[in-house]
Protein backbone atom coordinates (compact mmCIF):
# COMPACT_ATOMS: atom_id res chain seq x y z
CA MET A 1 -206.18 47.08 -1.62
CA GLU A 2 -203.10 48.10 0.35
CA THR A 3 -201.34 45.31 2.24
CA ASP A 4 -199.95 45.72 5.76
CA ARG A 5 -196.45 45.69 4.30
CA ASP A 6 -197.27 48.43 1.77
CA ARG A 7 -198.88 50.58 4.48
CA ALA A 8 -195.92 50.06 6.80
CA HIS A 9 -193.47 50.97 4.05
CA ARG A 10 -195.50 54.11 3.30
CA ALA A 11 -195.29 54.98 7.01
CA TRP A 12 -191.49 54.47 6.80
CA ARG A 13 -191.27 56.95 3.91
CA ASN A 14 -193.51 59.47 5.70
CA ALA A 15 -191.34 59.19 8.83
CA GLU A 16 -188.30 59.87 6.65
CA ARG A 17 -189.91 63.08 5.36
CA ILE A 18 -190.91 64.24 8.84
CA LYS A 19 -187.43 63.69 10.30
CA LYS A 20 -185.78 65.47 7.38
CA LEU A 21 -188.12 68.46 7.64
CA SER A 22 -187.94 68.60 11.44
CA ASP A 23 -184.28 67.94 12.15
CA ASN A 24 -182.19 67.80 8.97
CA LEU A 25 -183.07 70.62 6.58
CA ILE A 26 -179.60 72.09 7.04
CA LYS A 27 -176.92 69.48 7.65
CA ILE A 28 -173.45 70.29 8.98
CA GLY A 29 -171.46 67.10 9.43
CA PRO A 30 -173.28 64.82 11.89
CA TRP A 31 -175.44 67.75 13.09
CA GLY A 32 -178.54 69.13 11.49
CA ILE A 33 -181.25 71.66 12.13
CA GLY A 34 -184.75 71.80 10.79
CA LEU A 35 -188.07 73.46 11.46
CA ASP A 36 -188.27 72.11 15.00
CA GLY A 37 -184.97 73.75 15.98
CA VAL A 38 -185.82 77.06 14.35
CA LEU A 39 -189.40 77.22 15.65
CA ALA A 40 -188.25 76.34 19.18
CA TRP A 41 -187.32 80.03 19.52
CA VAL A 42 -190.85 81.15 18.67
CA PRO A 43 -192.79 80.38 21.88
CA ALA A 44 -196.16 79.08 20.63
CA ALA A 45 -195.00 77.97 17.18
CA GLY A 46 -192.34 75.63 18.55
CA SER A 47 -194.78 73.81 20.81
CA ILE A 48 -197.44 73.58 18.12
CA TYR A 49 -194.96 72.21 15.57
CA SER A 50 -193.51 69.68 18.03
CA LEU A 51 -196.93 68.38 19.02
CA GLY A 52 -198.11 68.27 15.40
CA SER A 53 -195.08 66.46 14.01
CA GLY A 54 -195.06 64.11 17.00
CA GLY A 55 -198.74 63.38 16.47
CA LEU A 56 -198.12 62.60 12.81
CA LEU A 57 -195.29 60.22 13.68
CA LEU A 58 -197.44 58.43 16.26
CA TYR A 59 -200.30 58.23 13.75
CA GLU A 60 -197.94 56.64 11.21
CA GLY A 61 -196.77 54.23 13.91
CA LEU A 62 -200.35 53.21 14.68
CA LYS A 63 -201.18 52.75 11.00
CA ALA A 64 -198.02 50.66 10.53
CA LYS A 65 -199.01 48.58 13.57
CA ALA A 66 -195.75 49.32 15.38
CA SER A 67 -195.10 47.49 18.63
CA PRO A 68 -196.37 49.07 21.86
CA TRP A 69 -192.77 49.51 23.05
CA THR A 70 -191.87 51.46 19.89
CA LEU A 71 -194.94 53.69 20.25
CA THR A 72 -194.09 54.31 23.92
CA ARG A 73 -190.52 55.31 23.06
CA MET A 74 -191.75 57.59 20.30
CA ALA A 75 -194.22 59.28 22.66
CA ALA A 76 -191.50 59.71 25.32
CA TYR A 77 -189.18 61.43 22.83
CA MET A 78 -191.94 63.78 21.72
CA LEU A 79 -193.14 64.58 25.26
CA THR A 80 -189.57 65.37 26.32
CA ASN A 81 -189.18 67.64 23.31
CA SER A 82 -192.44 69.45 24.06
CA ALA A 83 -191.58 69.84 27.75
CA MET A 84 -188.28 71.50 26.85
CA SER A 85 -190.11 74.02 24.69
CA GLU A 86 -191.95 75.32 27.75
CA VAL A 87 -188.77 76.63 29.44
CA PRO A 88 -187.67 79.98 27.99
CA ILE A 89 -184.16 80.41 26.59
CA VAL A 90 -182.43 77.36 28.14
CA GLY A 91 -185.30 75.04 27.17
CA TRP A 92 -185.44 76.49 23.67
CA ALA A 93 -181.69 75.92 23.25
CA MET A 94 -182.04 72.33 24.49
CA ASP A 95 -185.02 71.81 22.17
CA THR A 96 -182.93 73.04 19.24
CA LEU A 97 -180.26 70.42 19.99
CA PHE A 98 -182.59 67.56 21.02
CA ARG A 99 -183.64 65.83 17.82
CA ALA A 100 -186.79 64.11 19.04
CA GLN A 101 -188.49 63.73 15.67
CA LEU A 102 -185.36 62.10 14.27
CA MET A 103 -185.17 59.65 17.19
CA ALA A 104 -188.90 58.86 17.05
CA ALA A 105 -188.79 58.37 13.27
CA ASN A 106 -185.72 56.13 13.54
CA ALA A 107 -187.46 54.00 16.19
CA LEU A 108 -190.49 53.61 13.92
CA GLN A 109 -188.36 52.83 10.86
CA LYS A 110 -186.39 50.14 12.70
CA ASP A 111 -189.63 48.55 13.91
CA ILE A 112 -191.03 48.53 10.37
CA GLU A 113 -187.84 47.08 8.88
CA ALA A 114 -187.74 44.33 11.53
CA ARG A 115 -191.32 43.25 10.84
CA HIS A 116 -191.74 43.98 7.12
CA GLY A 117 -188.25 43.96 5.65
CA PRO A 118 -186.19 46.81 4.25
CA VAL A 119 -187.91 49.58 2.36
CA THR A 120 -186.83 50.04 -1.22
CA MET A 121 -186.93 53.63 -2.31
CA PRO A 122 -188.21 54.09 -5.85
CA ALA A 123 -186.06 56.07 -8.23
CA GLY A 124 -187.34 59.38 -9.47
CA PRO A 125 -188.23 62.81 -8.21
CA THR A 126 -187.89 63.55 -4.53
CA ARG A 127 -189.92 65.50 -2.04
CA TRP A 128 -188.01 66.72 1.04
CA GLY A 129 -185.02 64.67 -0.06
CA VAL A 130 -186.91 61.36 -0.07
CA ALA A 131 -187.86 59.51 -3.25
CA ASP A 132 -191.60 59.86 -3.55
CA PRO A 133 -193.52 57.05 -5.23
CA ALA A 134 -196.54 59.31 -5.66
CA TRP A 135 -194.59 61.52 -8.06
CA ARG A 136 -194.33 59.68 -11.34
CA ASP A 137 -192.51 60.74 -14.46
CA ALA A 138 -194.89 61.38 -17.31
CA THR A 139 -193.86 59.70 -20.51
CA PRO A 140 -195.42 60.05 -23.97
CA SER A 141 -197.49 56.99 -23.12
CA GLY A 142 -198.73 58.56 -19.86
CA PRO A 143 -197.91 57.97 -16.22
CA GLN A 144 -196.24 54.70 -15.36
CA PRO A 145 -197.47 52.44 -12.53
CA LEU A 146 -195.61 52.62 -9.26
CA PRO A 147 -193.01 49.91 -8.66
CA GLY A 148 -194.65 47.04 -6.81
CA SER A 149 -198.17 48.24 -7.52
CA SER A 150 -200.78 45.99 -9.02
CA ALA A 151 -201.55 48.45 -11.83
CA GLY A 152 -200.98 46.85 -15.18
CA ARG A 153 -200.92 43.30 -13.81
CA SER A 154 -203.61 40.77 -14.25
CA ALA A 155 -205.12 39.13 -11.20
CA PRO A 156 -203.81 35.62 -10.38
């Protein structure tokens, strides 16, 4: 059974993936652009992506039992981002530069780290630039248990 800490740390990793995909696929110094910035210029697609990624981040926040203040901040970032998408040209440009998913994910990650401690990223293959514990290296003896999992341990 998954503990609250394990679920929160999984939410932290999922938030990391969402912010990378949304706002940091192409990084130039401190700036980055991702799907949210590109899709902002496609009228319906930008709004749909913003609402979907924002919904996923809020879902992860709820599953991680983030504080109400953190969830409120996350929702405010995402609503602001979606509202910008509704204004042609100027709004799309602002949406491209406003990194709402990154700010919402950072708020969630800080909340998780404050309540559950830092997240250790397992070594190994990555998905979207984030080490993914679900991807295990196969060895001649078969897949290895995930670090910190109870597989292979006897019950106390």
